[in-house]
Amino acid sequence: MKMSAKLIGASELKRTLDKFSQLTGKGVERGIDEMALSSARALAMKVQPYGLTSAKGAKFQKNIEAQVTAAWFMVNTGIIPATNSMEQAHKSARRQGRVRIPKGGFKRSMWKTWRDLISEPDRDAYIQQQIRKAGRAKASWITAGESLGVGKISGVAQWIRRHVGSYSGTTRMGKMLRAKVELANKTPYISNLQKSSEIKSALATGRKNGLKRMKIIIAAELKKIK
């Protein structure tokens, strides 16, 4: 599924965009690209799990490992329906978005019913697949923003950065205040990791941050004139 994030030179931004263009000589389109870059970062932040740091990645990995391991135990001990698919077992074990540990935890007596449906290597491979999915979905927004050529997004951890370069697209349309940038995240499962409300929130944040960045640039240019 393709998700697009559109940024348009709206009326409330005209004065800032005009001033940015006059003082930098880079054109209004460059200012809109700056907002798109800020929005790309905000969009990447708002893909589950929220954040771009190494610490966020480590916490996410620990959580995925715990939930998948619990689902693996549940399918092999008969708590959930039998399947040889770790993905299906994970889905069966999830309740309201999380794997719920059985009340009272996993007791030693449960091992007596072990069905050996899914191996440990298959479980571990699935865990790594889930971590890659999140990294890839975030990296697609990063790639789209950086492909505009106005800068590199800061604070992106290696667990995301290693996936930069795929599953994204950028389209420029129009000129001056009618200019528009479309950022596309083409990861096939993006709708499972990012809701439309999260995209809307990220765009608002990106617009605000992009405007702030332009004002900083304007202030720096004005100092040069004085």
N, C-alpha and C. Protein backbone atom coordinates (compact mmCIF):
# COMPACT_ATOMS: atom_id res chain seq x y z
N MET A 1 0.84 -1.20 0.00
CA MET A 1 0.00 0.00 0.00
C MET A 1 0.87 1.24 0.00
N LYS A 2 0.52 2.21 -0.84
CA LYS A 2 1.27 3.46 -0.90
C LYS A 2 0.62 4.49 -0.01
N MET A 3 1.41 5.11 0.84
CA MET A 3 0.93 6.20 1.67
C MET A 3 1.69 7.45 1.26
N SER A 4 1.00 8.55 1.06
CA SER A 4 1.63 9.78 0.62
C SER A 4 1.47 10.88 1.66
N ALA A 5 2.47 11.73 1.73
CA ALA A 5 2.43 12.87 2.63
C ALA A 5 2.63 14.11 1.78
N LYS A 6 1.60 14.93 1.65
CA LYS A 6 1.69 16.09 0.78
C LYS A 6 1.89 17.37 1.58
N LEU A 7 2.81 18.20 1.11
CA LEU A 7 3.07 19.48 1.74
C LEU A 7 2.86 20.57 0.69
N ILE A 8 1.99 21.50 0.97
CA ILE A 8 1.66 22.53 0.00
C ILE A 8 2.04 23.90 0.56
N GLY A 9 2.50 24.81 -0.31
CA GLY A 9 2.84 26.16 0.12
C GLY A 9 1.58 26.91 0.51
N ALA A 10 1.09 26.69 1.72
CA ALA A 10 -0.16 27.27 2.19
C ALA A 10 0.00 28.76 2.49
N SER A 11 -1.12 29.46 2.57
CA SER A 11 -1.11 30.92 2.70
C SER A 11 -0.36 31.41 3.93
N GLU A 12 -0.48 30.72 5.05
CA GLU A 12 0.17 31.17 6.28
C GLU A 12 1.69 31.07 6.23
N LEU A 13 2.19 30.35 5.24
CA LEU A 13 3.64 30.19 5.10
C LEU A 13 4.23 31.14 4.06
N LYS A 14 3.39 31.86 3.35
CA LYS A 14 3.87 32.65 2.22
C LYS A 14 4.96 33.64 2.59
N ARG A 15 4.73 34.38 3.68
CA ARG A 15 5.71 35.40 4.04
C ARG A 15 7.06 34.80 4.38
N THR A 16 7.04 33.70 5.12
CA THR A 16 8.30 33.05 5.50
C THR A 16 9.00 32.48 4.26
N LEU A 17 8.22 31.84 3.40
CA LEU A 17 8.79 31.26 2.19
C LEU A 17 9.37 32.34 1.28
N ASP A 18 8.66 33.44 1.13
CA ASP A 18 9.15 34.55 0.31
C ASP A 18 10.44 35.13 0.87
N LYS A 19 10.46 35.33 2.19
CA LYS A 19 11.65 35.90 2.85
C LYS A 19 12.82 34.94 2.72
N PHE A 20 12.56 33.66 2.91
CA PHE A 20 13.59 32.63 2.77
C PHE A 20 14.18 32.67 1.36
N SER A 21 13.32 32.75 0.38
CA SER A 21 13.75 32.78 -1.02
C SER A 21 14.59 34.01 -1.32
N GLN A 22 14.13 35.19 -0.87
CA GLN A 22 14.84 36.44 -1.13
C GLN A 22 16.24 36.46 -0.51
N LEU A 23 16.33 36.00 0.74
CA LEU A 23 17.60 36.11 1.47
C LEU A 23 18.60 35.02 1.11
N THR A 24 18.13 33.84 0.75
CA THR A 24 19.06 32.73 0.44
C THR A 24 19.32 32.60 -1.05
N GLY A 25 18.39 33.11 -1.85
CA GLY A 25 18.52 32.96 -3.30
C GLY A 25 18.29 31.53 -3.77
N LYS A 26 17.71 30.70 -2.92
CA LYS A 26 17.52 29.28 -3.24
C LYS A 26 16.11 28.96 -3.75
N GLY A 27 15.22 29.94 -3.72
CA GLY A 27 13.88 29.72 -4.24
C GLY A 27 12.91 29.20 -3.19
N VAL A 28 11.64 29.49 -3.44
CA VAL A 28 10.57 29.03 -2.55
C VAL A 28 10.54 27.50 -2.50
N GLU A 29 10.82 26.87 -3.63
CA GLU A 29 10.79 25.41 -3.69
C GLU A 29 11.74 24.78 -2.68
N ARG A 30 12.90 25.42 -2.49
CA ARG A 30 13.87 24.91 -1.52
C ARG A 30 13.29 24.97 -0.10
N GLY A 31 12.54 26.02 0.20
CA GLY A 31 11.92 26.13 1.51
C GLY A 31 10.89 25.03 1.73
N ILE A 32 10.14 24.71 0.69
CA ILE A 32 9.16 23.63 0.79
C ILE A 32 9.86 22.29 0.94
N ASP A 33 11.00 22.13 0.26
CA ASP A 33 11.81 20.91 0.44
C ASP A 33 12.29 20.78 1.88
N GLU A 34 12.63 21.92 2.50
CA GLU A 34 13.07 21.91 3.90
C GLU A 34 11.95 21.39 4.80
N MET A 35 10.72 21.83 4.52
CA MET A 35 9.57 21.34 5.31
C MET A 35 9.33 19.86 5.06
N ALA A 36 9.53 19.43 3.82
CA ALA A 36 9.35 18.02 3.50
C ALA A 36 10.38 17.16 4.22
N LEU A 37 11.62 17.65 4.32
CA LEU A 37 12.66 16.91 5.03
C LEU A 37 12.30 16.77 6.51
N SER A 38 11.84 17.86 7.10
CA SER A 38 11.41 17.82 8.51
C SER A 38 10.24 16.86 8.70
N SER A 39 9.34 16.85 7.71
CA SER A 39 8.18 15.97 7.79
C SER A 39 8.57 14.51 7.64
N ALA A 40 9.58 14.24 6.80
CA ALA A 40 10.06 12.87 6.63
C ALA A 40 10.60 12.33 7.95
N ARG A 41 11.31 13.17 8.68
CA ARG A 41 11.83 12.75 9.99
C ARG A 41 10.68 12.46 10.96
N ALA A 42 9.70 13.37 10.97
CA ALA A 42 8.55 13.19 11.87
C ALA A 42 7.75 11.94 11.50
N LEU A 43 7.63 11.67 10.21
CA LEU A 43 6.92 10.47 9.76
C LEU A 43 7.65 9.20 10.19
N ALA A 44 8.98 9.20 10.08
CA ALA A 44 9.77 8.05 10.52
C ALA A 44 9.64 7.85 12.02
N MET A 45 9.61 8.94 12.77
CA MET A 45 9.44 8.87 14.23
C MET A 45 8.12 8.21 14.61
N LYS A 46 7.08 8.47 13.81
CA LYS A 46 5.73 8.02 14.16
C LYS A 46 5.37 6.65 13.58
N VAL A 47 6.35 5.91 13.09
CA VAL A 47 6.13 4.51 12.74
C VAL A 47 6.36 3.69 14.01
N GLN A 48 5.48 2.76 14.30
CA GLN A 48 5.66 1.90 15.49
C GLN A 48 6.92 1.04 15.36
N PRO A 49 7.77 0.99 16.38
CA PRO A 49 7.70 1.71 17.65
C PRO A 49 8.19 3.15 17.48
N TYR A 50 7.56 4.09 18.17
CA TYR A 50 7.92 5.50 18.04
C TYR A 50 9.39 5.73 18.39
N GLY A 51 10.05 6.57 17.62
CA GLY A 51 11.43 6.94 17.92
C GLY A 51 12.42 6.48 16.86
N LEU A 52 13.63 7.03 16.94
CA LEU A 52 14.68 6.72 15.96
C LEU A 52 16.00 6.30 16.62
N THR A 53 16.07 6.28 17.94
CA THR A 53 17.33 6.06 18.63
C THR A 53 17.69 4.58 18.82
N SER A 54 18.94 4.36 19.17
CA SER A 54 19.41 3.01 19.48
C SER A 54 18.69 2.44 20.70
N ALA A 55 18.45 3.31 21.68
CA ALA A 55 17.76 2.87 22.90
C ALA A 55 16.35 2.40 22.58
N LYS A 56 15.67 3.12 21.68
CA LYS A 56 14.32 2.72 21.28
C LYS A 56 14.37 1.38 20.56
N GLY A 57 15.39 1.20 19.72
CA GLY A 57 15.55 -0.06 19.00
C GLY A 57 15.79 -1.23 19.93
N ALA A 58 16.62 -1.01 20.96
CA ALA A 58 16.93 -2.06 21.92
C ALA A 58 15.69 -2.45 22.73
N LYS A 59 14.90 -1.44 23.12
CA LYS A 59 13.68 -1.70 23.88
C LYS A 59 12.67 -2.46 23.02
N PHE A 60 12.56 -2.05 21.76
CA PHE A 60 11.64 -2.71 20.83
C PHE A 60 12.04 -4.17 20.62
N GLN A 61 13.35 -4.41 20.44
CA GLN A 61 13.83 -5.77 20.23
C GLN A 61 13.54 -6.65 21.44
N LYS A 62 13.76 -6.12 22.63
CA LYS A 62 13.50 -6.87 23.85
C LYS A 62 12.02 -7.22 23.96
N ASN A 63 11.16 -6.27 23.61
CA ASN A 63 9.72 -6.48 23.69
C ASN A 63 9.26 -7.53 22.67
N ILE A 64 9.79 -7.44 21.43
CA ILE A 64 9.44 -8.41 20.39
C ILE A 64 9.91 -9.81 20.79
N GLU A 65 11.12 -9.91 21.31
CA GLU A 65 11.66 -11.20 21.74
C GLU A 65 10.76 -11.84 22.81
N ALA A 66 10.32 -11.02 23.78
CA ALA A 66 9.48 -11.52 24.87
C ALA A 66 8.13 -12.00 24.35
N GLN A 67 7.51 -11.21 23.48
CA GLN A 67 6.18 -11.56 22.98
C GLN A 67 6.20 -12.78 22.06
N VAL A 68 7.19 -12.82 21.17
CA VAL A 68 7.28 -13.95 20.23
C VAL A 68 7.62 -15.23 20.98
N THR A 69 8.52 -15.13 21.95
CA THR A 69 8.88 -16.31 22.74
C THR A 69 7.67 -16.84 23.50
N ALA A 70 6.85 -15.92 24.02
CA ALA A 70 5.64 -16.33 24.72
C ALA A 70 4.67 -17.04 23.77
N ALA A 71 4.52 -16.48 22.56
CA ALA A 71 3.63 -17.10 21.56
C ALA A 71 4.16 -18.46 21.15
N TRP A 72 5.47 -18.58 21.01
CA TRP A 72 6.13 -19.85 20.66
C TRP A 72 5.85 -20.91 21.73
N PHE A 73 5.95 -20.52 22.98
CA PHE A 73 5.67 -21.44 24.09
C PHE A 73 4.20 -21.85 24.09
N MET A 74 3.33 -20.87 23.82
CA MET A 74 1.89 -21.13 23.85
C MET A 74 1.45 -22.10 22.75
N VAL A 75 2.02 -21.95 21.55
CA VAL A 75 1.62 -22.85 20.46
C VAL A 75 2.18 -24.25 20.68
N ASN A 76 3.38 -24.33 21.24
CA ASN A 76 4.01 -25.63 21.45
C ASN A 76 3.44 -26.39 22.65
N THR A 77 2.74 -25.69 23.52
CA THR A 77 2.15 -26.36 24.69
C THR A 77 0.63 -26.48 24.59
N GLY A 78 0.07 -26.06 23.44
CA GLY A 78 -1.36 -26.26 23.22
C GLY A 78 -2.27 -25.19 23.78
N ILE A 79 -1.72 -24.07 24.22
CA ILE A 79 -2.56 -22.99 24.75
C ILE A 79 -3.32 -22.29 23.63
N ILE A 80 -2.69 -22.21 22.46
CA ILE A 80 -3.34 -21.63 21.29
C ILE A 80 -3.38 -22.69 20.19
N PRO A 81 -4.20 -22.51 19.14
CA PRO A 81 -4.34 -23.52 18.09
C PRO A 81 -3.03 -23.93 17.44
N ALA A 82 -2.92 -25.19 17.06
CA ALA A 82 -1.71 -25.73 16.45
C ALA A 82 -1.43 -25.11 15.09
N THR A 83 -0.17 -24.79 14.84
CA THR A 83 0.29 -24.28 13.56
C THR A 83 1.80 -24.45 13.48
N ASN A 84 2.31 -24.57 12.27
CA ASN A 84 3.75 -24.63 12.06
C ASN A 84 4.31 -23.27 11.67
N SER A 85 3.45 -22.26 11.64
CA SER A 85 3.86 -20.90 11.26
C SER A 85 4.02 -20.01 12.48
N MET A 86 5.22 -19.46 12.67
CA MET A 86 5.46 -18.57 13.80
C MET A 86 4.62 -17.30 13.65
N GLU A 87 4.44 -16.86 12.44
CA GLU A 87 3.62 -15.67 12.20
C GLU A 87 2.18 -15.91 12.64
N GLN A 88 1.64 -17.06 12.27
CA GLN A 88 0.26 -17.38 12.65
C GLN A 88 0.14 -17.56 14.16
N ALA A 89 1.13 -18.19 14.75
CA ALA A 89 1.11 -18.37 16.22
C ALA A 89 1.13 -17.02 16.92
N HIS A 90 1.94 -16.11 16.41
CA HIS A 90 2.04 -14.77 16.99
C HIS A 90 0.68 -14.06 16.90
N LYS A 91 0.02 -14.17 15.74
CA LYS A 91 -1.29 -13.56 15.57
C LYS A 91 -2.33 -14.17 16.52
N SER A 92 -2.29 -15.50 16.65
CA SER A 92 -3.25 -16.19 17.52
C SER A 92 -3.09 -15.81 18.98
N ALA A 93 -1.84 -15.53 19.38
CA ALA A 93 -1.56 -15.23 20.78
C ALA A 93 -1.85 -13.77 21.14
N ARG A 94 -1.97 -12.92 20.12
CA ARG A 94 -2.16 -11.49 20.38
C ARG A 94 -3.59 -11.17 20.80
N ARG A 95 -3.71 -10.32 21.80
CA ARG A 95 -5.00 -9.82 22.26
C ARG A 95 -4.86 -8.32 22.45
N GLN A 96 -5.63 -7.54 21.69
CA GLN A 96 -5.57 -6.08 21.76
C GLN A 96 -4.15 -5.57 21.50
N GLY A 97 -3.52 -6.18 20.50
CA GLY A 97 -2.21 -5.70 20.08
C GLY A 97 -1.02 -6.25 20.82
N ARG A 98 -1.24 -7.12 21.80
CA ARG A 98 -0.12 -7.67 22.59
C ARG A 98 -0.35 -9.15 22.86
N VAL A 99 0.75 -9.86 23.09
CA VAL A 99 0.66 -11.25 23.53
C VAL A 99 0.48 -11.23 25.03
N ARG A 100 -0.60 -11.81 25.48
CA ARG A 100 -0.90 -11.82 26.91
C ARG A 100 -0.40 -13.13 27.54
N ILE A 101 0.46 -13.02 28.52
CA ILE A 101 0.96 -14.18 29.23
C ILE A 101 -0.19 -14.82 30.02
N PRO A 102 -0.36 -16.14 29.97
CA PRO A 102 -1.45 -16.79 30.71
C PRO A 102 -1.41 -16.44 32.19
N LYS A 103 -2.57 -16.32 32.78
CA LYS A 103 -2.64 -15.98 34.20
C LYS A 103 -1.92 -17.05 35.00
N GLY A 104 -1.01 -16.63 35.83
CA GLY A 104 -0.22 -17.57 36.61
C GLY A 104 1.10 -17.91 35.94
N GLY A 105 1.30 -17.36 34.71
CA GLY A 105 2.56 -17.59 34.00
C GLY A 105 2.65 -18.97 33.37
N PHE A 106 3.84 -19.28 32.88
CA PHE A 106 4.08 -20.58 32.26
C PHE A 106 4.61 -21.54 33.32
N LYS A 107 3.84 -22.56 33.62
CA LYS A 107 4.21 -23.51 34.67
C LYS A 107 5.01 -24.68 34.11
N ARG A 108 5.83 -25.26 34.94
CA ARG A 108 6.67 -26.38 34.54
C ARG A 108 5.83 -27.55 33.99
N SER A 109 4.64 -27.73 34.54
CA SER A 109 3.78 -28.84 34.11
C SER A 109 3.37 -28.73 32.64
N MET A 110 3.39 -27.53 32.10
CA MET A 110 3.00 -27.31 30.71
C MET A 110 3.95 -28.00 29.73
N TRP A 111 5.21 -28.20 30.14
CA TRP A 111 6.18 -28.83 29.25
C TRP A 111 5.77 -30.26 28.88
N LYS A 112 4.93 -30.88 29.68
CA LYS A 112 4.51 -32.27 29.42
C LYS A 112 3.69 -32.38 28.14
N THR A 113 3.10 -31.26 27.72
CA THR A 113 2.27 -31.29 26.51
C THR A 113 3.00 -30.70 25.29
N TRP A 114 4.31 -30.61 25.38
CA TRP A 114 5.11 -29.97 24.31
C TRP A 114 4.89 -30.67 22.97
N ARG A 115 4.50 -29.87 21.94
CA ARG A 115 4.16 -30.43 20.64
C ARG A 115 5.25 -30.25 19.59
N ASP A 116 6.26 -29.47 19.90
CA ASP A 116 7.40 -29.27 19.00
C ASP A 116 6.95 -28.88 17.57
N LEU A 117 6.03 -27.94 17.50
CA LEU A 117 5.49 -27.51 16.20
C LEU A 117 6.40 -26.49 15.50
N ILE A 118 7.05 -25.65 16.30
CA ILE A 118 7.93 -24.60 15.75
C ILE A 118 9.26 -24.66 16.48
N SER A 119 10.34 -24.70 15.72
CA SER A 119 11.68 -24.83 16.31
C SER A 119 12.20 -23.49 16.83
N GLU A 120 13.22 -23.55 17.66
CA GLU A 120 13.85 -22.33 18.17
C GLU A 120 14.46 -21.51 17.04
N PRO A 121 15.18 -22.13 16.06
CA PRO A 121 15.72 -21.34 14.94
C PRO A 121 14.63 -20.60 14.16
N ASP A 122 13.49 -21.25 13.95
CA ASP A 122 12.39 -20.59 13.24
C ASP A 122 11.83 -19.43 14.06
N ARG A 123 11.75 -19.63 15.36
CA ARG A 123 11.30 -18.55 16.25
C ARG A 123 12.24 -17.36 16.17
N ASP A 124 13.55 -17.62 16.26
CA ASP A 124 14.53 -16.54 16.24
C ASP A 124 14.58 -15.82 14.89
N ALA A 125 14.38 -16.57 13.82
CA ALA A 125 14.35 -15.96 12.48
C ALA A 125 13.16 -15.01 12.36
N TYR A 126 12.05 -15.41 12.93
CA TYR A 126 10.84 -14.57 12.89
C TYR A 126 11.04 -13.29 13.70
N ILE A 127 11.71 -13.40 14.83
CA ILE A 127 12.01 -12.21 15.66
C ILE A 127 12.82 -11.20 14.85
N GLN A 128 13.86 -11.67 14.18
CA GLN A 128 14.70 -10.79 13.38
C GLN A 128 13.93 -10.18 12.22
N GLN A 129 13.02 -10.95 11.66
CA GLN A 129 12.18 -10.45 10.56
C GLN A 129 11.32 -9.28 11.03
N GLN A 130 10.75 -9.39 12.22
CA GLN A 130 9.90 -8.33 12.75
C GLN A 130 10.69 -7.07 13.03
N ILE A 131 11.92 -7.23 13.51
CA ILE A 131 12.78 -6.07 13.78
C ILE A 131 13.14 -5.39 12.46
N ARG A 132 13.45 -6.19 11.43
CA ARG A 132 13.78 -5.62 10.12
C ARG A 132 12.60 -4.87 9.53
N LYS A 133 11.39 -5.39 9.72
CA LYS A 133 10.20 -4.73 9.18
C LYS A 133 10.06 -3.31 9.71
N ALA A 134 10.21 -3.15 11.01
CA ALA A 134 10.09 -1.82 11.61
C ALA A 134 11.19 -0.90 11.11
N GLY A 135 12.42 -1.41 11.04
CA GLY A 135 13.54 -0.61 10.56
C GLY A 135 13.34 -0.18 9.12
N ARG A 136 12.83 -1.09 8.30
CA ARG A 136 12.61 -0.82 6.87
C ARG A 136 11.52 0.24 6.68
N ALA A 137 10.44 0.13 7.45
CA ALA A 137 9.34 1.09 7.32
C ALA A 137 9.78 2.50 7.71
N LYS A 138 10.56 2.61 8.77
CA LYS A 138 11.08 3.91 9.18
C LYS A 138 12.07 4.45 8.14
N ALA A 139 12.94 3.57 7.68
CA ALA A 139 13.99 3.97 6.74
C ALA A 139 13.41 4.46 5.42
N SER A 140 12.24 3.99 5.04
CA SER A 140 11.62 4.42 3.79
C SER A 140 11.25 5.90 3.84
N TRP A 141 10.77 6.38 4.98
CA TRP A 141 10.50 7.80 5.12
C TRP A 141 11.81 8.59 5.13
N ILE A 142 12.83 8.05 5.80
CA ILE A 142 14.14 8.71 5.83
C ILE A 142 14.69 8.86 4.41
N THR A 143 14.63 7.78 3.65
CA THR A 143 15.13 7.79 2.27
C THR A 143 14.40 8.82 1.42
N ALA A 144 13.08 8.85 1.56
CA ALA A 144 12.28 9.80 0.78
C ALA A 144 12.69 11.23 1.07
N GLY A 145 12.86 11.56 2.35
CA GLY A 145 13.24 12.92 2.72
C GLY A 145 14.64 13.28 2.25
N GLU A 146 15.59 12.38 2.46
CA GLU A 146 16.98 12.68 2.11
C GLU A 146 17.20 12.73 0.60
N SER A 147 16.32 12.09 -0.16
CA SER A 147 16.46 12.10 -1.62
C SER A 147 16.17 13.48 -2.20
N LEU A 148 15.61 14.39 -1.40
CA LEU A 148 15.34 15.75 -1.87
C LEU A 148 16.63 16.55 -2.02
N GLY A 149 17.70 16.08 -1.36
CA GLY A 149 19.00 16.73 -1.51
C GLY A 149 19.20 17.99 -0.70
N VAL A 150 18.37 18.21 0.33
CA VAL A 150 18.54 19.43 1.13
C VAL A 150 19.21 19.16 2.48
N GLY A 151 19.53 17.91 2.77
CA GLY A 151 20.19 17.60 4.03
C GLY A 151 20.00 16.15 4.43
N LYS A 152 20.71 15.77 5.49
CA LYS A 152 20.62 14.42 6.03
C LYS A 152 19.90 14.49 7.37
N ILE A 153 19.00 13.57 7.60
CA ILE A 153 18.23 13.55 8.84
C ILE A 153 19.10 13.05 9.99
N SER A 154 19.13 13.82 11.06
CA SER A 154 20.00 13.50 12.20
C SER A 154 19.32 12.55 13.18
N GLY A 155 20.13 11.91 14.02
CA GLY A 155 19.61 11.09 15.11
C GLY A 155 18.99 9.78 14.70
N VAL A 156 19.35 9.27 13.51
CA VAL A 156 18.79 8.00 13.04
C VAL A 156 19.76 6.86 13.39
N ALA A 157 19.33 5.94 14.24
CA ALA A 157 20.19 4.85 14.70
C ALA A 157 20.47 3.84 13.59
N GLN A 158 21.52 3.05 13.79
CA GLN A 158 21.96 2.09 12.78
C GLN A 158 20.92 1.02 12.48
N TRP A 159 20.08 0.65 13.47
CA TRP A 159 19.08 -0.39 13.23
C TRP A 159 18.04 0.07 12.20
N ILE A 160 17.96 1.39 11.99
CA ILE A 160 17.10 1.95 10.95
C ILE A 160 17.94 2.30 9.72
N ARG A 161 19.06 2.97 9.96
CA ARG A 161 19.89 3.49 8.87
C ARG A 161 20.36 2.39 7.93
N ARG A 162 20.55 1.17 8.42
CA ARG A 162 21.04 0.08 7.55
C ARG A 162 20.04 -0.28 6.45
N HIS A 163 18.78 0.14 6.60
CA HIS A 163 17.76 -0.18 5.60
C HIS A 163 17.49 0.97 4.62
N VAL A 164 18.17 2.10 4.82
CA VAL A 164 17.95 3.24 3.95
C VAL A 164 18.33 2.88 2.51
N GLY A 165 17.45 3.29 1.57
CA GLY A 165 17.76 3.05 0.17
C GLY A 165 16.70 2.28 -0.59
N SER A 166 15.62 1.92 0.07
CA SER A 166 14.59 1.12 -0.62
C SER A 166 13.19 1.49 -0.14
N TYR A 167 12.19 1.04 -0.89
CA TYR A 167 10.78 1.18 -0.52
C TYR A 167 10.31 2.62 -0.32
N SER A 168 10.77 3.55 -1.14
CA SER A 168 10.31 4.92 -1.00
C SER A 168 10.25 5.62 -2.34
N GLY A 169 9.61 6.77 -2.35
CA GLY A 169 9.52 7.56 -3.57
C GLY A 169 9.28 9.02 -3.23
N THR A 170 9.76 9.91 -4.08
CA THR A 170 9.56 11.35 -3.90
C THR A 170 9.17 11.97 -5.23
N THR A 171 8.17 12.83 -5.20
CA THR A 171 7.72 13.50 -6.41
C THR A 171 7.58 14.99 -6.14
N ARG A 172 8.15 15.82 -7.01
CA ARG A 172 7.99 17.27 -6.93
C ARG A 172 7.02 17.72 -8.03
N MET A 173 6.13 18.65 -7.69
CA MET A 173 5.17 19.17 -8.66
C MET A 173 4.99 20.67 -8.44
N GLY A 174 4.73 21.41 -9.49
CA GLY A 174 4.45 22.83 -9.39
C GLY A 174 5.67 23.68 -9.12
N LYS A 175 5.46 25.00 -9.14
CA LYS A 175 6.54 25.94 -8.90
C LYS A 175 6.11 27.03 -7.94
N MET A 176 7.12 27.71 -7.37
CA MET A 176 6.90 28.80 -6.43
C MET A 176 5.92 28.38 -5.33
N LEU A 177 4.95 29.25 -5.00
CA LEU A 177 4.05 28.95 -3.89
C LEU A 177 3.03 27.87 -4.23
N ARG A 178 3.03 27.42 -5.47
CA ARG A 178 2.16 26.31 -5.86
C ARG A 178 2.95 24.99 -5.88
N ALA A 179 4.16 25.05 -5.43
CA ALA A 179 5.00 23.85 -5.41
C ALA A 179 4.47 22.85 -4.39
N LYS A 180 4.71 21.59 -4.67
CA LYS A 180 4.22 20.51 -3.82
C LYS A 180 5.22 19.36 -3.84
N VAL A 181 5.39 18.73 -2.70
CA VAL A 181 6.26 17.56 -2.58
C VAL A 181 5.43 16.39 -2.07
N GLU A 182 5.58 15.24 -2.70
CA GLU A 182 4.90 14.03 -2.24
C GLU A 182 5.95 13.02 -1.81
N LEU A 183 5.84 12.57 -0.57
CA LEU A 183 6.71 11.54 -0.03
C LEU A 183 5.92 10.24 0.02
N ALA A 184 6.47 9.18 -0.51
CA ALA A 184 5.75 7.89 -0.53
C ALA A 184 6.54 6.81 0.19
N ASN A 185 5.86 6.11 1.07
CA ASN A 185 6.43 4.95 1.76
C ASN A 185 5.81 3.71 1.13
N LYS A 186 6.62 2.93 0.43
CA LYS A 186 6.10 1.80 -0.35
C LYS A 186 6.28 0.44 0.33
N THR A 187 6.64 0.44 1.61
CA THR A 187 6.72 -0.84 2.30
C THR A 187 5.31 -1.45 2.32
N PRO A 188 5.16 -2.71 1.91
CA PRO A 188 3.83 -3.31 1.75
C PRO A 188 3.00 -3.43 3.01
N TYR A 189 3.64 -3.36 4.18
CA TYR A 189 2.94 -3.54 5.44
C TYR A 189 2.86 -2.25 6.26
N ILE A 190 3.13 -1.10 5.61
CA ILE A 190 3.20 0.16 6.35
C ILE A 190 1.89 0.47 7.09
N SER A 191 0.74 0.09 6.52
CA SER A 191 -0.54 0.39 7.17
C SER A 191 -0.70 -0.36 8.49
N ASN A 192 0.07 -1.44 8.69
CA ASN A 192 0.02 -2.17 9.96
C ASN A 192 0.85 -1.49 11.04
N LEU A 193 1.79 -0.63 10.62
CA LEU A 193 2.71 0.00 11.56
C LEU A 193 2.44 1.48 11.76
N GLN A 194 1.64 2.07 10.88
CA GLN A 194 1.39 3.51 10.97
C GLN A 194 -0.04 3.84 10.53
N LYS A 195 -0.79 4.44 11.44
CA LYS A 195 -2.18 4.82 11.15
C LYS A 195 -2.23 6.17 10.44
N SER A 196 -3.34 6.43 9.77
CA SER A 196 -3.51 7.70 9.07
C SER A 196 -3.47 8.87 10.05
N SER A 197 -3.95 8.65 11.28
CA SER A 197 -3.91 9.71 12.30
C SER A 197 -2.47 10.03 12.69
N GLU A 198 -1.60 9.02 12.66
CA GLU A 198 -0.19 9.23 12.98
C GLU A 198 0.51 10.00 11.86
N ILE A 199 0.10 9.74 10.63
CA ILE A 199 0.64 10.49 9.49
C ILE A 199 0.23 11.96 9.59
N LYS A 200 -1.03 12.20 9.90
CA LYS A 200 -1.53 13.56 10.02
C LYS A 200 -0.78 14.31 11.12
N SER A 201 -0.57 13.66 12.25
CA SER A 201 0.16 14.28 13.35
C SER A 201 1.60 14.56 12.97
N ALA A 202 2.24 13.61 12.27
CA ALA A 202 3.63 13.79 11.85
C ALA A 202 3.77 14.94 10.88
N LEU A 203 2.82 15.10 9.97
CA LEU A 203 2.87 16.19 9.00
C LEU A 203 2.75 17.55 9.69
N ALA A 204 1.90 17.62 10.71
CA ALA A 204 1.76 18.86 11.46
C ALA A 204 3.06 19.20 12.17
N THR A 205 3.70 18.18 12.75
CA THR A 205 4.98 18.38 13.43
C THR A 205 6.06 18.78 12.43
N GLY A 206 6.10 18.11 11.28
CA GLY A 206 7.10 18.41 10.27
C GLY A 206 6.95 19.80 9.71
N ARG A 207 5.73 20.22 9.50
CA ARG A 207 5.46 21.58 9.00
C ARG A 207 5.95 22.62 10.01
N LYS A 208 5.64 22.38 11.29
CA LYS A 208 6.05 23.30 12.35
C LYS A 208 7.58 23.37 12.44
N ASN A 209 8.23 22.21 12.43
CA ASN A 209 9.69 22.18 12.53
C ASN A 209 10.37 22.75 11.29
N GLY A 210 9.78 22.48 10.13
CA GLY A 210 10.33 23.02 8.89
C GLY A 210 10.25 24.54 8.86
N LEU A 211 9.13 25.09 9.34
CA LEU A 211 8.96 26.53 9.41
C LEU A 211 9.97 27.14 10.38
N LYS A 212 10.16 26.47 11.50
CA LYS A 212 11.12 26.93 12.51
C LYS A 212 12.53 26.95 11.92
N ARG A 213 12.87 25.90 11.17
CA ARG A 213 14.20 25.83 10.55
C ARG A 213 14.40 26.97 9.56
N MET A 214 13.37 27.27 8.76
CA MET A 214 13.49 28.38 7.80
C MET A 214 13.68 29.71 8.51
N LYS A 215 13.01 29.91 9.63
CA LYS A 215 13.14 31.15 10.38
C LYS A 215 14.56 31.30 10.96
N ILE A 216 15.15 30.18 11.35
CA ILE A 216 16.53 30.22 11.85
C ILE A 216 17.48 30.62 10.73
N ILE A 217 17.24 30.05 9.55
CA ILE A 217 18.07 30.38 8.38
C ILE A 217 17.90 31.86 8.00
N ILE A 218 16.66 32.34 8.05
CA ILE A 218 16.37 33.74 7.75
C ILE A 218 17.10 34.66 8.72
N ALA A 219 17.05 34.33 10.01
CA ALA A 219 17.72 35.14 11.04
C ALA A 219 19.22 35.18 10.80
N ALA A 220 19.80 34.05 10.42
CA ALA A 220 21.24 33.99 10.15
C ALA A 220 21.60 34.84 8.94
N GLU A 221 20.76 34.82 7.91
CA GLU A 221 21.01 35.63 6.71
C GLU A 221 20.89 37.13 7.01
N LEU A 222 19.94 37.49 7.85
CA LEU A 222 19.75 38.89 8.22
C LEU A 222 20.96 39.42 8.98
N LYS A 223 21.56 38.58 9.81
CA LYS A 223 22.75 38.99 10.56
C LYS A 223 23.91 39.32 9.64
N LYS A 224 23.98 38.61 8.53
CA LYS A 224 25.05 38.85 7.55
C LYS A 224 24.91 40.22 6.89
N ILE A 225 23.67 40.67 6.76
CA ILE A 225 23.41 41.93 6.10
C ILE A 225 23.76 43.11 7.00
N LYS A 226 23.50 42.95 8.28
CA LYS A 226 23.73 44.06 9.26
C LYS A 226 25.22 44.36 9.43
